[in-house]
Amino acid sequence: MQQVHLRAGRTSLGRRVHNDIVLTDLSVSGLHCEFEMLGPSEVWVTDVGSTNGTFIGGQRIRRQLLRDQDVLFIGIYNVQYLGERLTAEAGQTSPMKLEALGAAGTAGAMQARLKVLAGPAAGREVPLVKTVTTFGTPATAVVAITHRRNGYYIAVTDGAREPALLNGEPLSAEARALADEDVVQLGDTRIKFMLG
């Protein structure tokens, strides 16, 4: 567990080293979100166009006022805002607790795998052990499956001739939650997502 005190003004969070708060996992965008402290009891969080989004209470947010004990899901991390535990320097900082959550393949995390139903590698099963797994080709489409604490998500990272489909519906760069037995199609290749 790590605590970070927000300073007055803006505090950036992302994977790149120039951010004020650096989370190195690939599920976090280079510049993922920003915290804006307008007063000791007014802190806003803004997602700045991250790939995997910023979530509070299971809802993807763009900009939201934080309340004491709010938990933000940022990639495989959660960030808890502690607004009521202000120190004597209340006008300068607000404490936040950062906690790494279970990554794929660790105890307590959901386990998942892909099974190729149709295509050149039909019958092959691939366990999802990385935080981000990409597959496909630029000639069809490239998609990424991201493991977060609250599940697995899929999004298109590169598109070409044909759209990538999830259960027959087109995918986009907007991450969508995956459920057990979902079927992804990239050109002639069909892949089933399986939990457990």
N, C-alpha and C. Protein backbone atom coordinates (compact mmCIF):
# COMPACT_ATOMS: atom_id res chain seq x y z
N MET A 1 0.85 -1.17 0.00
CA MET A 1 0.00 0.00 0.00
C MET A 1 0.90 1.24 0.00
N GLN A 2 0.49 2.20 -0.78
CA GLN A 2 1.25 3.44 -0.89
C GLN A 2 0.28 4.60 -0.76
N GLN A 3 0.71 5.66 -0.07
CA GLN A 3 -0.12 6.86 0.03
C GLN A 3 0.53 7.99 -0.73
N VAL A 4 -0.29 8.74 -1.42
CA VAL A 4 0.18 9.90 -2.17
C VAL A 4 -0.67 11.09 -1.74
N HIS A 5 -0.02 12.18 -1.43
CA HIS A 5 -0.75 13.39 -1.04
C HIS A 5 -0.92 14.27 -2.28
N LEU A 6 -2.16 14.57 -2.60
CA LEU A 6 -2.43 15.45 -3.73
C LEU A 6 -2.05 16.87 -3.36
N ARG A 7 -1.49 17.57 -4.32
CA ARG A 7 -1.15 18.97 -4.08
C ARG A 7 -2.21 19.85 -4.74
N ALA A 8 -2.25 21.09 -4.32
CA ALA A 8 -3.20 22.03 -4.91
C ALA A 8 -2.92 22.14 -6.41
N GLY A 9 -3.96 22.27 -7.20
CA GLY A 9 -3.81 22.30 -8.66
C GLY A 9 -4.01 20.90 -9.22
N ARG A 10 -3.24 20.56 -10.25
CA ARG A 10 -3.40 19.27 -10.94
C ARG A 10 -2.31 18.28 -10.56
N THR A 11 -2.72 17.00 -10.48
CA THR A 11 -1.80 15.88 -10.26
C THR A 11 -2.10 14.86 -11.34
N SER A 12 -1.09 14.52 -12.15
CA SER A 12 -1.30 13.58 -13.24
C SER A 12 -0.97 12.16 -12.80
N LEU A 13 -1.69 11.18 -13.38
CA LEU A 13 -1.46 9.77 -13.11
C LEU A 13 -1.37 9.06 -14.45
N GLY A 14 -0.36 8.20 -14.62
CA GLY A 14 -0.22 7.43 -15.84
C GLY A 14 1.01 6.56 -15.80
N ARG A 15 1.27 5.89 -16.92
CA ARG A 15 2.39 4.95 -17.03
C ARG A 15 3.72 5.65 -17.31
N ARG A 16 3.69 6.81 -17.98
CA ARG A 16 4.93 7.50 -18.34
C ARG A 16 5.57 8.15 -17.12
N VAL A 17 6.89 8.21 -17.14
CA VAL A 17 7.65 8.68 -15.98
C VAL A 17 7.45 10.15 -15.67
N HIS A 18 6.97 10.95 -16.59
CA HIS A 18 6.79 12.38 -16.31
C HIS A 18 5.54 12.67 -15.47
N ASN A 19 4.70 11.67 -15.21
CA ASN A 19 3.50 11.88 -14.40
C ASN A 19 3.87 12.06 -12.94
N ASP A 20 2.98 12.72 -12.19
CA ASP A 20 3.18 12.88 -10.75
C ASP A 20 3.03 11.54 -10.03
N ILE A 21 2.08 10.72 -10.48
CA ILE A 21 1.87 9.37 -9.94
C ILE A 21 2.09 8.41 -11.11
N VAL A 22 3.06 7.49 -10.97
CA VAL A 22 3.39 6.56 -12.05
C VAL A 22 2.96 5.16 -11.65
N LEU A 23 2.10 4.54 -12.49
CA LEU A 23 1.70 3.14 -12.36
C LEU A 23 2.19 2.44 -13.62
N THR A 24 3.13 1.51 -13.48
CA THR A 24 3.89 1.01 -14.63
C THR A 24 3.21 -0.09 -15.43
N ASP A 25 2.08 -0.62 -14.98
CA ASP A 25 1.45 -1.72 -15.71
C ASP A 25 0.89 -1.24 -17.05
N LEU A 26 0.93 -2.12 -18.07
CA LEU A 26 0.46 -1.75 -19.42
C LEU A 26 -1.05 -1.49 -19.50
N SER A 27 -1.78 -1.85 -18.47
CA SER A 27 -3.22 -1.56 -18.46
C SER A 27 -3.50 -0.08 -18.20
N VAL A 28 -2.46 0.67 -17.82
CA VAL A 28 -2.58 2.10 -17.55
C VAL A 28 -2.03 2.86 -18.76
N SER A 29 -2.76 3.86 -19.23
CA SER A 29 -2.31 4.66 -20.37
C SER A 29 -1.14 5.56 -19.97
N GLY A 30 -0.41 6.04 -20.98
CA GLY A 30 0.73 6.93 -20.74
C GLY A 30 0.34 8.10 -19.84
N LEU A 31 -0.71 8.79 -20.17
CA LEU A 31 -1.36 9.78 -19.30
C LEU A 31 -2.79 9.30 -19.17
N HIS A 32 -3.15 8.81 -18.00
CA HIS A 32 -4.43 8.12 -17.83
C HIS A 32 -5.51 9.06 -17.30
N CYS A 33 -5.20 9.75 -16.19
CA CYS A 33 -6.18 10.66 -15.61
C CYS A 33 -5.47 11.76 -14.83
N GLU A 34 -6.25 12.76 -14.45
CA GLU A 34 -5.71 13.87 -13.66
C GLU A 34 -6.63 14.14 -12.49
N PHE A 35 -6.02 14.50 -11.36
CA PHE A 35 -6.76 14.94 -10.19
C PHE A 35 -6.59 16.44 -10.08
N GLU A 36 -7.69 17.13 -9.85
CA GLU A 36 -7.65 18.58 -9.73
C GLU A 36 -8.19 18.97 -8.36
N MET A 37 -7.31 19.54 -7.55
CA MET A 37 -7.69 19.94 -6.20
C MET A 37 -8.04 21.43 -6.21
N LEU A 38 -9.33 21.71 -6.03
CA LEU A 38 -9.80 23.10 -6.05
C LEU A 38 -9.94 23.64 -4.63
N GLY A 39 -9.88 22.77 -3.65
CA GLY A 39 -9.97 23.16 -2.24
C GLY A 39 -9.78 21.91 -1.41
N PRO A 40 -9.67 22.03 -0.09
CA PRO A 40 -9.40 20.85 0.74
C PRO A 40 -10.49 19.79 0.65
N SER A 41 -11.71 20.17 0.31
CA SER A 41 -12.79 19.18 0.21
C SER A 41 -13.36 19.10 -1.20
N GLU A 42 -12.65 19.63 -2.18
CA GLU A 42 -13.13 19.57 -3.57
C GLU A 42 -12.01 19.08 -4.48
N VAL A 43 -12.07 17.77 -4.78
CA VAL A 43 -11.09 17.15 -5.67
C VAL A 43 -11.87 16.47 -6.80
N TRP A 44 -11.52 16.82 -8.03
CA TRP A 44 -12.14 16.24 -9.22
C TRP A 44 -11.15 15.30 -9.89
N VAL A 45 -11.66 14.21 -10.48
CA VAL A 45 -10.83 13.33 -11.31
C VAL A 45 -11.37 13.41 -12.73
N THR A 46 -10.43 13.49 -13.69
CA THR A 46 -10.79 13.56 -15.11
C THR A 46 -10.01 12.50 -15.87
N ASP A 47 -10.72 11.61 -16.57
CA ASP A 47 -10.06 10.66 -17.47
C ASP A 47 -9.69 11.44 -18.72
N VAL A 48 -8.43 11.37 -19.13
CA VAL A 48 -7.95 12.18 -20.25
C VAL A 48 -7.83 11.35 -21.53
N GLY A 49 -8.84 10.53 -21.79
CA GLY A 49 -8.86 9.73 -23.02
C GLY A 49 -8.08 8.45 -22.92
N SER A 50 -8.02 7.85 -21.73
CA SER A 50 -7.27 6.60 -21.56
C SER A 50 -7.90 5.47 -22.37
N THR A 51 -7.10 4.48 -22.72
CA THR A 51 -7.59 3.34 -23.49
C THR A 51 -8.57 2.50 -22.69
N ASN A 52 -8.23 2.19 -21.45
CA ASN A 52 -9.04 1.27 -20.65
C ASN A 52 -10.01 1.96 -19.70
N GLY A 53 -9.98 3.28 -19.64
CA GLY A 53 -10.96 4.02 -18.85
C GLY A 53 -10.62 4.12 -17.37
N THR A 54 -11.35 5.00 -16.71
CA THR A 54 -11.30 5.19 -15.27
C THR A 54 -12.70 4.91 -14.76
N PHE A 55 -12.82 4.06 -13.74
CA PHE A 55 -14.12 3.61 -13.26
C PHE A 55 -14.29 3.94 -11.78
N ILE A 56 -15.50 4.35 -11.41
CA ILE A 56 -15.90 4.53 -10.01
C ILE A 56 -17.23 3.82 -9.85
N GLY A 57 -17.30 2.92 -8.89
CA GLY A 57 -18.55 2.19 -8.66
C GLY A 57 -19.02 1.42 -9.87
N GLY A 58 -18.10 0.89 -10.66
CA GLY A 58 -18.45 0.10 -11.84
C GLY A 58 -18.84 0.92 -13.06
N GLN A 59 -18.85 2.24 -12.93
CA GLN A 59 -19.23 3.10 -14.05
C GLN A 59 -18.01 3.83 -14.59
N ARG A 60 -17.87 3.82 -15.90
CA ARG A 60 -16.78 4.57 -16.52
C ARG A 60 -17.09 6.06 -16.40
N ILE A 61 -16.09 6.82 -15.98
CA ILE A 61 -16.32 8.26 -15.80
C ILE A 61 -15.41 9.05 -16.74
N ARG A 62 -15.85 10.27 -17.03
CA ARG A 62 -15.01 11.21 -17.76
C ARG A 62 -14.47 12.26 -16.80
N ARG A 63 -15.37 12.84 -16.01
CA ARG A 63 -14.99 13.81 -14.98
C ARG A 63 -15.97 13.66 -13.83
N GLN A 64 -15.44 13.59 -12.61
CA GLN A 64 -16.33 13.41 -11.46
C GLN A 64 -15.70 13.98 -10.20
N LEU A 65 -16.55 14.57 -9.36
CA LEU A 65 -16.14 15.04 -8.05
C LEU A 65 -15.96 13.83 -7.15
N LEU A 66 -14.81 13.75 -6.44
CA LEU A 66 -14.54 12.62 -5.57
C LEU A 66 -15.15 12.84 -4.20
N ARG A 67 -15.66 11.73 -3.62
CA ARG A 67 -16.16 11.73 -2.25
C ARG A 67 -15.25 10.84 -1.41
N ASP A 68 -15.23 11.09 -0.11
CA ASP A 68 -14.41 10.29 0.79
C ASP A 68 -14.70 8.80 0.58
N GLN A 69 -13.66 8.01 0.50
CA GLN A 69 -13.72 6.55 0.34
C GLN A 69 -14.04 6.09 -1.08
N ASP A 70 -14.20 6.99 -2.05
CA ASP A 70 -14.39 6.56 -3.44
C ASP A 70 -13.22 5.69 -3.86
N VAL A 71 -13.52 4.60 -4.59
CA VAL A 71 -12.48 3.73 -5.13
C VAL A 71 -12.52 3.82 -6.64
N LEU A 72 -11.38 4.20 -7.22
CA LEU A 72 -11.25 4.30 -8.67
C LEU A 72 -10.54 3.06 -9.17
N PHE A 73 -11.04 2.45 -10.25
CA PHE A 73 -10.36 1.35 -10.90
C PHE A 73 -9.64 1.91 -12.12
N ILE A 74 -8.32 1.75 -12.11
CA ILE A 74 -7.45 2.26 -13.17
C ILE A 74 -6.58 1.10 -13.62
N GLY A 75 -6.97 0.45 -14.74
CA GLY A 75 -6.26 -0.76 -15.17
C GLY A 75 -6.40 -1.82 -14.10
N ILE A 76 -5.26 -2.43 -13.68
CA ILE A 76 -5.30 -3.46 -12.64
C ILE A 76 -5.19 -2.88 -11.24
N TYR A 77 -5.16 -1.57 -11.13
CA TYR A 77 -5.00 -0.90 -9.84
C TYR A 77 -6.32 -0.34 -9.36
N ASN A 78 -6.40 -0.17 -8.02
CA ASN A 78 -7.47 0.66 -7.50
C ASN A 78 -6.84 1.75 -6.67
N VAL A 79 -7.50 2.88 -6.68
CA VAL A 79 -7.03 4.05 -5.95
C VAL A 79 -8.18 4.48 -5.06
N GLN A 80 -7.93 4.57 -3.78
CA GLN A 80 -8.98 5.00 -2.86
C GLN A 80 -8.70 6.42 -2.43
N TYR A 81 -9.70 7.27 -2.58
CA TYR A 81 -9.60 8.66 -2.18
C TYR A 81 -10.05 8.79 -0.73
N LEU A 82 -9.19 9.36 0.10
CA LEU A 82 -9.50 9.56 1.51
C LEU A 82 -9.63 11.05 1.76
N GLY A 83 -10.83 11.56 1.63
CA GLY A 83 -11.05 12.99 1.72
C GLY A 83 -11.24 13.52 3.12
N GLU A 84 -11.69 12.68 4.07
CA GLU A 84 -11.96 13.17 5.42
C GLU A 84 -10.75 13.12 6.32
N ARG A 85 -9.69 12.43 5.91
CA ARG A 85 -8.52 12.29 6.76
C ARG A 85 -7.47 13.33 6.40
N LEU A 86 -7.87 14.57 6.37
CA LEU A 86 -6.96 15.64 6.00
C LEU A 86 -5.98 15.91 7.12
N THR A 87 -4.76 16.22 6.75
CA THR A 87 -3.72 16.51 7.72
C THR A 87 -3.77 17.98 8.10
N ALA A 88 -2.84 18.42 8.93
CA ALA A 88 -2.77 19.82 9.33
C ALA A 88 -2.53 20.73 8.14
N GLU A 89 -1.97 20.18 7.05
CA GLU A 89 -1.73 20.96 5.84
C GLU A 89 -2.89 20.80 4.87
N ALA A 90 -4.12 20.82 5.39
CA ALA A 90 -5.29 20.51 4.59
C ALA A 90 -5.39 21.36 3.33
N GLY A 91 -4.96 22.60 3.37
CA GLY A 91 -5.05 23.44 2.19
C GLY A 91 -4.05 23.06 1.12
N GLN A 92 -3.07 22.24 1.45
CA GLN A 92 -2.02 21.89 0.51
C GLN A 92 -2.17 20.49 -0.09
N THR A 93 -2.66 19.52 0.73
CA THR A 93 -2.67 18.14 0.26
C THR A 93 -3.92 17.41 0.73
N SER A 94 -4.22 16.30 0.07
CA SER A 94 -5.24 15.35 0.50
C SER A 94 -4.66 13.96 0.32
N PRO A 95 -4.81 13.06 1.30
CA PRO A 95 -4.21 11.74 1.16
C PRO A 95 -5.00 10.83 0.21
N MET A 96 -4.28 9.98 -0.50
CA MET A 96 -4.86 8.94 -1.34
C MET A 96 -4.10 7.66 -1.09
N LYS A 97 -4.78 6.53 -1.12
CA LYS A 97 -4.15 5.24 -0.94
C LYS A 97 -4.14 4.51 -2.27
N LEU A 98 -2.97 4.06 -2.75
CA LEU A 98 -2.85 3.29 -3.97
C LEU A 98 -2.59 1.84 -3.59
N GLU A 99 -3.32 0.92 -4.21
CA GLU A 99 -3.16 -0.47 -3.86
C GLU A 99 -3.18 -1.31 -5.13
N ALA A 100 -2.12 -2.07 -5.38
CA ALA A 100 -2.09 -2.97 -6.54
C ALA A 100 -3.05 -4.12 -6.27
N LEU A 101 -3.81 -4.50 -7.27
CA LEU A 101 -4.75 -5.61 -7.13
C LEU A 101 -4.24 -6.83 -7.87
N GLY A 102 -4.91 -7.94 -7.66
CA GLY A 102 -4.47 -9.21 -8.25
C GLY A 102 -4.40 -9.14 -9.75
N ALA A 103 -3.27 -9.53 -10.30
CA ALA A 103 -3.11 -9.64 -11.75
C ALA A 103 -3.47 -11.04 -12.19
N ALA A 104 -3.67 -11.21 -13.47
CA ALA A 104 -4.02 -12.53 -14.00
C ALA A 104 -3.00 -13.55 -13.53
N GLY A 105 -3.48 -14.74 -13.13
CA GLY A 105 -2.58 -15.81 -12.72
C GLY A 105 -2.25 -15.79 -11.25
N THR A 106 -2.75 -14.82 -10.47
CA THR A 106 -2.47 -14.77 -9.04
C THR A 106 -3.67 -15.27 -8.27
N ALA A 107 -3.44 -15.67 -7.02
CA ALA A 107 -4.51 -16.17 -6.18
C ALA A 107 -5.60 -15.11 -6.05
N GLY A 108 -6.83 -15.51 -6.18
CA GLY A 108 -7.95 -14.60 -6.02
C GLY A 108 -8.36 -13.92 -7.31
N ALA A 109 -7.54 -13.96 -8.33
CA ALA A 109 -7.90 -13.31 -9.59
C ALA A 109 -8.67 -14.30 -10.46
N MET A 110 -9.57 -13.78 -11.29
CA MET A 110 -10.29 -14.64 -12.21
C MET A 110 -9.33 -15.19 -13.25
N GLN A 111 -9.45 -16.48 -13.55
CA GLN A 111 -8.62 -17.10 -14.57
C GLN A 111 -9.42 -17.19 -15.87
N ALA A 112 -8.76 -16.97 -16.99
CA ALA A 112 -9.46 -17.02 -18.27
C ALA A 112 -8.56 -17.62 -19.33
N ARG A 113 -9.19 -18.08 -20.40
CA ARG A 113 -8.44 -18.62 -21.54
C ARG A 113 -9.25 -18.40 -22.81
N LEU A 114 -8.57 -18.48 -23.93
CA LEU A 114 -9.21 -18.37 -25.23
C LEU A 114 -9.13 -19.72 -25.92
N LYS A 115 -10.19 -20.09 -26.61
CA LYS A 115 -10.19 -21.31 -27.41
C LYS A 115 -10.53 -20.93 -28.84
N VAL A 116 -9.65 -21.31 -29.77
CA VAL A 116 -9.87 -21.00 -31.19
C VAL A 116 -10.88 -22.00 -31.73
N LEU A 117 -12.04 -21.50 -32.17
CA LEU A 117 -13.12 -22.34 -32.70
C LEU A 117 -12.98 -22.57 -34.19
N ALA A 118 -12.53 -21.55 -34.92
CA ALA A 118 -12.40 -21.66 -36.38
C ALA A 118 -11.23 -20.80 -36.81
N GLY A 119 -10.53 -21.26 -37.83
CA GLY A 119 -9.37 -20.54 -38.33
C GLY A 119 -8.15 -21.44 -38.35
N PRO A 120 -6.99 -20.90 -38.73
CA PRO A 120 -5.78 -21.71 -38.87
C PRO A 120 -5.36 -22.45 -37.60
N ALA A 121 -5.67 -21.91 -36.43
CA ALA A 121 -5.23 -22.55 -35.18
C ALA A 121 -6.41 -23.20 -34.44
N ALA A 122 -7.44 -23.65 -35.17
CA ALA A 122 -8.64 -24.23 -34.56
C ALA A 122 -8.28 -25.32 -33.56
N GLY A 123 -8.95 -25.27 -32.40
CA GLY A 123 -8.72 -26.26 -31.35
C GLY A 123 -7.69 -25.83 -30.31
N ARG A 124 -6.89 -24.85 -30.63
CA ARG A 124 -5.85 -24.40 -29.71
C ARG A 124 -6.46 -23.59 -28.57
N GLU A 125 -5.94 -23.78 -27.35
CA GLU A 125 -6.36 -22.99 -26.19
C GLU A 125 -5.18 -22.20 -25.68
N VAL A 126 -5.44 -20.94 -25.33
CA VAL A 126 -4.39 -20.05 -24.85
C VAL A 126 -4.83 -19.44 -23.53
N PRO A 127 -4.09 -19.69 -22.42
CA PRO A 127 -4.45 -19.05 -21.16
C PRO A 127 -4.09 -17.56 -21.20
N LEU A 128 -4.92 -16.74 -20.59
CA LEU A 128 -4.65 -15.30 -20.52
C LEU A 128 -3.90 -15.04 -19.21
N VAL A 129 -2.58 -14.94 -19.29
CA VAL A 129 -1.74 -14.79 -18.11
C VAL A 129 -1.14 -13.40 -17.99
N LYS A 130 -1.23 -12.60 -19.04
CA LYS A 130 -0.70 -11.24 -19.00
C LYS A 130 -1.83 -10.25 -18.73
N THR A 131 -1.46 -9.07 -18.30
CA THR A 131 -2.46 -8.03 -18.06
C THR A 131 -3.13 -7.62 -19.36
N VAL A 132 -2.35 -7.51 -20.43
CA VAL A 132 -2.89 -7.16 -21.74
C VAL A 132 -2.42 -8.21 -22.75
N THR A 133 -3.37 -8.81 -23.46
CA THR A 133 -3.06 -9.78 -24.51
C THR A 133 -3.64 -9.26 -25.81
N THR A 134 -2.80 -9.14 -26.83
CA THR A 134 -3.29 -8.69 -28.14
C THR A 134 -3.25 -9.87 -29.10
N PHE A 135 -4.20 -9.86 -30.04
CA PHE A 135 -4.18 -10.87 -31.10
C PHE A 135 -4.88 -10.32 -32.32
N GLY A 136 -4.62 -10.98 -33.45
CA GLY A 136 -5.14 -10.55 -34.73
C GLY A 136 -4.00 -10.10 -35.64
N THR A 137 -4.35 -9.63 -36.81
CA THR A 137 -3.36 -9.12 -37.75
C THR A 137 -3.85 -7.80 -38.32
N PRO A 138 -2.93 -6.92 -38.72
CA PRO A 138 -3.35 -5.65 -39.32
C PRO A 138 -4.21 -5.84 -40.57
N ALA A 139 -4.07 -6.99 -41.24
CA ALA A 139 -4.88 -7.25 -42.43
C ALA A 139 -6.36 -7.43 -42.08
N THR A 140 -6.66 -7.91 -40.87
CA THR A 140 -8.05 -8.03 -40.43
C THR A 140 -8.31 -6.96 -39.37
N ALA A 141 -7.91 -7.25 -38.14
CA ALA A 141 -8.01 -6.28 -37.04
C ALA A 141 -7.16 -6.79 -35.89
N VAL A 142 -6.72 -5.89 -35.05
CA VAL A 142 -5.98 -6.26 -33.85
C VAL A 142 -6.81 -5.82 -32.65
N VAL A 143 -7.03 -6.76 -31.71
CA VAL A 143 -7.78 -6.45 -30.51
C VAL A 143 -6.91 -6.73 -29.29
N ALA A 144 -7.25 -6.09 -28.18
CA ALA A 144 -6.54 -6.31 -26.92
C ALA A 144 -7.55 -6.73 -25.86
N ILE A 145 -7.19 -7.77 -25.11
CA ILE A 145 -7.97 -8.17 -23.94
C ILE A 145 -7.18 -7.74 -22.72
N THR A 146 -7.81 -6.96 -21.87
CA THR A 146 -7.18 -6.41 -20.68
C THR A 146 -7.80 -7.03 -19.45
N HIS A 147 -6.95 -7.51 -18.53
CA HIS A 147 -7.44 -8.05 -17.27
C HIS A 147 -7.43 -6.95 -16.22
N ARG A 148 -8.59 -6.71 -15.64
CA ARG A 148 -8.73 -5.76 -14.54
C ARG A 148 -9.26 -6.52 -13.35
N ARG A 149 -9.24 -5.88 -12.21
CA ARG A 149 -9.71 -6.53 -10.99
C ARG A 149 -11.17 -6.96 -11.12
N ASN A 150 -11.97 -6.17 -11.80
CA ASN A 150 -13.39 -6.47 -11.91
C ASN A 150 -13.75 -7.24 -13.17
N GLY A 151 -12.75 -7.81 -13.87
CA GLY A 151 -13.05 -8.64 -15.02
C GLY A 151 -12.11 -8.43 -16.19
N TYR A 152 -12.50 -8.97 -17.33
CA TYR A 152 -11.73 -8.87 -18.57
C TYR A 152 -12.48 -7.98 -19.54
N TYR A 153 -11.72 -7.18 -20.29
CA TYR A 153 -12.30 -6.22 -21.23
C TYR A 153 -11.61 -6.37 -22.58
N ILE A 154 -12.35 -6.08 -23.64
CA ILE A 154 -11.80 -6.19 -24.99
C ILE A 154 -12.05 -4.88 -25.75
N ALA A 155 -11.07 -4.51 -26.58
CA ALA A 155 -11.19 -3.31 -27.41
C ALA A 155 -10.34 -3.49 -28.65
N VAL A 156 -10.73 -2.82 -29.73
CA VAL A 156 -9.94 -2.84 -30.96
C VAL A 156 -8.78 -1.85 -30.79
N THR A 157 -7.57 -2.30 -31.13
CA THR A 157 -6.42 -1.40 -31.08
C THR A 157 -6.01 -0.96 -32.48
N ASP A 158 -6.39 -1.75 -33.46
CA ASP A 158 -6.05 -1.43 -34.85
C ASP A 158 -7.09 -2.10 -35.74
N GLY A 159 -7.64 -1.40 -36.69
CA GLY A 159 -8.63 -1.99 -37.57
C GLY A 159 -8.19 -1.91 -39.02
N ALA A 160 -8.67 -2.80 -39.83
CA ALA A 160 -8.30 -2.80 -41.24
C ALA A 160 -9.53 -3.11 -42.09
N ARG A 161 -9.46 -4.17 -42.89
CA ARG A 161 -10.52 -4.50 -43.84
C ARG A 161 -11.88 -4.76 -43.22
N GLU A 162 -11.90 -5.60 -42.19
CA GLU A 162 -13.18 -6.05 -41.64
C GLU A 162 -13.27 -5.67 -40.16
N PRO A 163 -14.49 -5.43 -39.66
CA PRO A 163 -14.60 -5.11 -38.23
C PRO A 163 -14.39 -6.35 -37.38
N ALA A 164 -13.84 -6.16 -36.20
CA ALA A 164 -13.78 -7.24 -35.21
C ALA A 164 -15.17 -7.32 -34.58
N LEU A 165 -15.64 -8.52 -34.30
CA LEU A 165 -16.98 -8.71 -33.77
C LEU A 165 -16.93 -9.40 -32.41
N LEU A 166 -17.83 -9.00 -31.52
CA LEU A 166 -18.03 -9.67 -30.24
C LEU A 166 -19.48 -10.13 -30.23
N ASN A 167 -19.68 -11.44 -30.29
CA ASN A 167 -21.02 -12.03 -30.37
C ASN A 167 -21.82 -11.42 -31.51
N GLY A 168 -21.15 -11.19 -32.63
CA GLY A 168 -21.80 -10.68 -33.83
C GLY A 168 -21.92 -9.17 -33.90
N GLU A 169 -21.57 -8.46 -32.83
CA GLU A 169 -21.66 -7.00 -32.80
C GLU A 169 -20.28 -6.39 -32.99
N PRO A 170 -20.15 -5.33 -33.79
CA PRO A 170 -18.83 -4.71 -34.04
C PRO A 170 -18.19 -4.16 -32.77
N LEU A 171 -16.89 -4.37 -32.65
CA LEU A 171 -16.10 -3.81 -31.55
C LEU A 171 -15.50 -2.50 -31.98
N SER A 172 -15.16 -1.66 -31.01
CA SER A 172 -14.50 -0.39 -31.29
C SER A 172 -13.34 -0.23 -30.31
N ALA A 173 -12.77 0.96 -30.26
CA ALA A 173 -11.68 1.25 -29.33
C ALA A 173 -12.20 1.40 -27.90
N GLU A 174 -13.51 1.52 -27.73
CA GLU A 174 -14.13 1.60 -26.41
C GLU A 174 -14.14 0.20 -25.79
N ALA A 175 -13.49 0.02 -24.64
CA ALA A 175 -13.39 -1.29 -23.99
C ALA A 175 -14.77 -1.78 -23.58
N ARG A 176 -15.04 -3.08 -23.86
CA ARG A 176 -16.29 -3.72 -23.46
C ARG A 176 -15.98 -4.92 -22.58
N ALA A 177 -16.79 -5.12 -21.55
CA ALA A 177 -16.60 -6.25 -20.64
C ALA A 177 -16.86 -7.56 -21.36
N LEU A 178 -16.04 -8.57 -21.05
CA LEU A 178 -16.22 -9.91 -21.59
C LEU A 178 -16.92 -10.79 -20.58
N ALA A 179 -17.79 -11.66 -21.07
CA ALA A 179 -18.47 -12.64 -20.22
C ALA A 179 -18.08 -14.04 -20.69
N ASP A 180 -18.22 -15.01 -19.79
CA ASP A 180 -17.91 -16.39 -20.11
C ASP A 180 -18.68 -16.84 -21.36
N GLU A 181 -17.97 -17.49 -22.27
CA GLU A 181 -18.55 -18.04 -23.51
C GLU A 181 -18.75 -16.99 -24.60
N ASP A 182 -18.30 -15.75 -24.42
CA ASP A 182 -18.37 -14.76 -25.49
C ASP A 182 -17.51 -15.23 -26.66
N VAL A 183 -17.94 -14.88 -27.89
CA VAL A 183 -17.21 -15.27 -29.09
C VAL A 183 -16.73 -14.02 -29.83
N VAL A 184 -15.43 -14.00 -30.11
CA VAL A 184 -14.80 -12.90 -30.83
C VAL A 184 -14.48 -13.40 -32.24
N GLN A 185 -14.76 -12.57 -33.25
CA GLN A 185 -14.45 -12.96 -34.63
C GLN A 185 -13.57 -11.90 -35.27
N LEU A 186 -12.43 -12.37 -35.82
CA LEU A 186 -11.51 -11.53 -36.58
C LEU A 186 -11.33 -12.18 -37.94
N GLY A 187 -11.98 -11.64 -38.95
CA GLY A 187 -11.91 -12.27 -40.27
C GLY A 187 -12.51 -13.66 -40.20
N ASP A 188 -11.74 -14.69 -40.61
CA ASP A 188 -12.21 -16.08 -40.59
C ASP A 188 -11.96 -16.78 -39.26
N THR A 189 -11.30 -16.11 -38.34
CA THR A 189 -10.96 -16.72 -37.06
C THR A 189 -12.03 -16.39 -36.01
N ARG A 190 -12.54 -17.46 -35.35
CA ARG A 190 -13.51 -17.28 -34.26
C ARG A 190 -12.88 -17.84 -33.00
N ILE A 191 -12.97 -17.04 -31.92
CA ILE A 191 -12.32 -17.39 -30.65
C ILE A 191 -13.34 -17.27 -29.54
N LYS A 192 -13.40 -18.28 -28.67
CA LYS A 192 -14.30 -18.25 -27.52
C LYS A 192 -13.52 -17.84 -26.27
N PHE A 193 -14.09 -16.90 -25.51
CA PHE A 193 -13.52 -16.48 -24.23
C PHE A 193 -14.14 -17.32 -23.14
N MET A 194 -13.29 -17.92 -22.28
CA MET A 194 -13.81 -18.81 -21.24
C MET A 194 -13.21 -18.47 -19.88
N LEU A 195 -14.04 -18.37 -18.87
CA LEU A 195 -13.59 -18.15 -17.50
C LEU A 195 -13.57 -19.47 -16.75
N GLY A 196 -12.66 -19.58 -15.79
CA GLY A 196 -12.59 -20.78 -14.94
C GLY A 196 -11.62 -21.80 -15.43
